[in-house]
Amino acid sequence: MTFRHKLRRAAVGTAVMALGGGVLLGAVPAASAAPAAPAAPASPATVLGACGDTFAPRTSGAKAYWEVQCTSSSVRISGWVEDTAADGQCAKVKATYSNGSTYFSPAACPKGERQGFTSPYRTGRTINAYLYEYDV
């Protein structure tokens, strides 16, 4: 993974409410999240999304939109990812379920390509996700 790749990852929300003991209660969804570098270069910043939350993150070369969807006992995300820059990179969304399984959206590239996605349902009520770019 290149240093440039690490710097281009973006958080998908703007704020998270937490209880003093570190228990995550929920996320404040963002209509448009500004690009932000991860807190630690080795791991991307993610924001916990709950049922009904929507996110519209952007990086310098990509944008995405998704909604967190739930049934009575399962969760998934559904939306799209788009490459917005002719920079030799592709864009994807990565989602991690509370059970530890991971979903990656289809890649969007070259510039102007948009890929729709819907992850499979998994047990739970929350999901961590983020938009990122990577070198092709």
Protein backbone atom coordinates (compact mmCIF):
# COMPACT_ATOMS: atom_id res chain seq x y z
CA MET A 1 0.00 0.00 0.00
CA THR A 2 1.51 3.34 -0.99
CA PHE A 3 1.77 6.39 1.22
CA ARG A 4 -0.36 8.28 -1.32
CA HIS A 5 -3.07 5.62 -0.99
CA LYS A 6 -3.10 5.95 2.78
CA LEU A 7 -3.51 9.71 2.64
CA ARG A 8 -6.45 9.61 0.22
CA ARG A 9 -8.75 7.55 2.41
CA ALA A 10 -11.71 9.50 3.75
CA ALA A 11 -13.98 9.24 6.73
CA VAL A 12 -17.63 8.79 5.90
CA GLY A 13 -19.15 10.96 8.58
CA THR A 14 -18.40 13.98 10.65
CA ALA A 15 -19.15 13.03 14.23
CA VAL A 16 -19.71 10.06 16.48
CA MET A 17 -21.43 10.18 19.84
CA ALA A 18 -19.82 7.97 22.46
CA LEU A 19 -20.51 7.17 26.09
CA GLY A 20 -17.70 7.79 28.57
CA GLY A 21 -16.91 4.08 28.76
CA GLY A 22 -16.22 3.94 25.03
CA VAL A 23 -19.55 2.39 24.02
CA LEU A 24 -20.56 3.61 20.59
CA LEU A 25 -24.18 4.78 20.58
CA GLY A 26 -24.59 5.94 17.01
CA ALA A 27 -23.34 8.16 14.23
CA VAL A 28 -24.34 11.57 13.05
CA PRO A 29 -24.77 11.08 9.31
CA ALA A 30 -23.31 13.67 6.99
CA ALA A 31 -25.00 15.06 3.91
CA SER A 32 -21.51 15.54 2.55
CA ALA A 33 -18.41 14.50 4.42
CA ALA A 34 -15.23 16.46 3.85
CA PRO A 35 -12.08 14.47 3.06
CA ALA A 36 -10.12 13.58 6.16
CA ALA A 37 -6.92 11.67 6.70
CA PRO A 38 -7.17 8.59 8.93
CA ALA A 39 -6.15 8.98 12.56
CA ALA A 40 -3.39 6.43 12.11
CA PRO A 41 -1.81 5.93 8.67
CA ALA A 42 -2.00 2.13 8.93
CA SER A 43 -5.76 1.99 9.55
CA PRO A 44 -8.53 3.99 7.85
CA ALA A 45 -10.98 6.10 9.78
CA THR A 46 -14.47 4.66 9.70
CA VAL A 47 -17.74 5.80 11.14
CA LEU A 48 -20.40 3.51 12.49
CA GLY A 49 -23.64 3.74 10.52
CA ALA A 50 -26.98 2.64 11.95
CA CYS A 51 -30.28 1.70 10.32
CA GLY A 52 -31.53 4.49 8.04
CA ASP A 53 -28.33 6.56 8.11
CA THR A 54 -27.09 7.92 4.77
CA PHE A 55 -23.59 9.02 3.85
CA ALA A 56 -22.13 11.00 0.93
CA PRO A 57 -18.33 11.08 1.37
CA ARG A 58 -15.85 12.61 -1.10
CA THR A 59 -12.12 12.42 -1.62
CA SER A 60 -10.02 14.44 -4.05
CA GLY A 61 -10.78 11.89 -6.79
CA ALA A 62 -13.93 10.01 -5.81
CA LYS A 63 -17.39 10.29 -4.34
CA ALA A 64 -19.97 7.86 -3.05
CA TYR A 65 -23.41 7.61 -1.53
CA TRP A 66 -24.97 4.85 0.52
CA GLU A 67 -27.76 4.08 2.93
CA VAL A 68 -27.61 1.66 5.84
CA GLN A 69 -30.58 -0.69 5.47
CA CYS A 70 -31.94 -3.09 8.09
CA THR A 71 -34.40 -5.89 8.59
CA SER A 72 -35.43 -6.99 12.08
CA SER A 73 -32.06 -8.68 12.66
CA SER A 74 -29.79 -7.89 9.68
CA VAL A 75 -27.95 -4.95 8.11
CA ARG A 76 -26.46 -4.02 4.72
CA ILE A 77 -25.45 -0.92 2.74
CA SER A 78 -26.70 0.04 -0.71
CA GLY A 79 -25.54 2.90 -2.93
CA TRP A 80 -22.95 3.87 -5.54
CA VAL A 81 -19.28 4.82 -5.90
CA GLU A 82 -17.84 7.09 -8.62
CA ASP A 83 -14.34 7.94 -9.89
CA THR A 84 -14.14 11.74 -10.36
CA ALA A 85 -10.50 12.29 -11.38
CA ALA A 86 -8.27 11.13 -14.23
CA ASP A 87 -5.49 10.26 -11.79
CA GLY A 88 -4.83 6.58 -12.51
CA GLN A 89 -6.70 5.48 -9.41
CA CYS A 90 -9.93 3.58 -8.81
CA ALA A 91 -12.51 4.10 -6.06
CA LYS A 92 -14.24 1.58 -3.80
CA VAL A 93 -16.31 1.44 -0.65
CA LYS A 94 -15.33 -0.96 2.12
CA ALA A 95 -17.89 -2.06 4.71
CA THR A 96 -17.19 -4.07 7.85
CA TYR A 97 -20.04 -5.78 9.69
CA SER A 98 -20.23 -6.15 13.47
CA ASN A 99 -19.51 -9.89 13.08
CA GLY A 100 -16.15 -9.00 11.45
CA SER A 101 -16.98 -9.93 7.86
CA THR A 102 -16.09 -7.44 5.12
CA TYR A 103 -17.70 -6.31 1.87
CA PHE A 104 -16.01 -4.37 -0.95
CA SER A 105 -18.03 -2.54 -3.61
CA PRO A 106 -17.18 -2.95 -7.28
CA ALA A 107 -14.35 -0.66 -8.42
CA ALA A 108 -15.21 2.57 -10.23
CA CYS A 109 -12.63 3.72 -12.80
CA PRO A 110 -11.71 5.45 -15.07
CA LYS A 111 -12.94 9.00 -14.44
CA GLY A 112 -16.72 9.32 -14.76
CA GLU A 113 -17.51 5.66 -14.10
CA ARG A 114 -20.14 5.02 -11.43
CA GLN A 115 -20.82 1.59 -9.96
CA GLY A 116 -23.94 0.73 -7.99
CA PHE A 117 -23.69 -1.78 -5.16
CA THR A 118 -25.73 -3.56 -2.53
CA SER A 119 -23.91 -5.61 0.07
CA PRO A 120 -25.40 -8.84 1.37
CA TYR A 121 -27.38 -8.79 4.62
CA ARG A 122 -25.48 -9.93 7.71
CA THR A 123 -26.63 -10.24 11.32
CA GLY A 124 -26.49 -6.94 13.21
CA ARG A 125 -27.85 -3.39 13.31
CA THR A 126 -24.73 -1.33 12.50
CA ILE A 127 -21.97 -1.27 9.89
CA ASN A 128 -18.63 0.55 9.51
CA ALA A 129 -17.87 1.83 6.00
CA TYR A 130 -15.60 4.22 4.15
CA LEU A 131 -14.74 5.46 0.66
CA TYR A 132 -11.17 5.04 -0.56
CA GLU A 133 -9.01 5.31 -3.69
CA TYR A 134 -6.16 3.05 -4.72
CA ASP A 135 -3.50 2.95 -7.44
CA VAL A 136 -4.28 0.71 -10.39
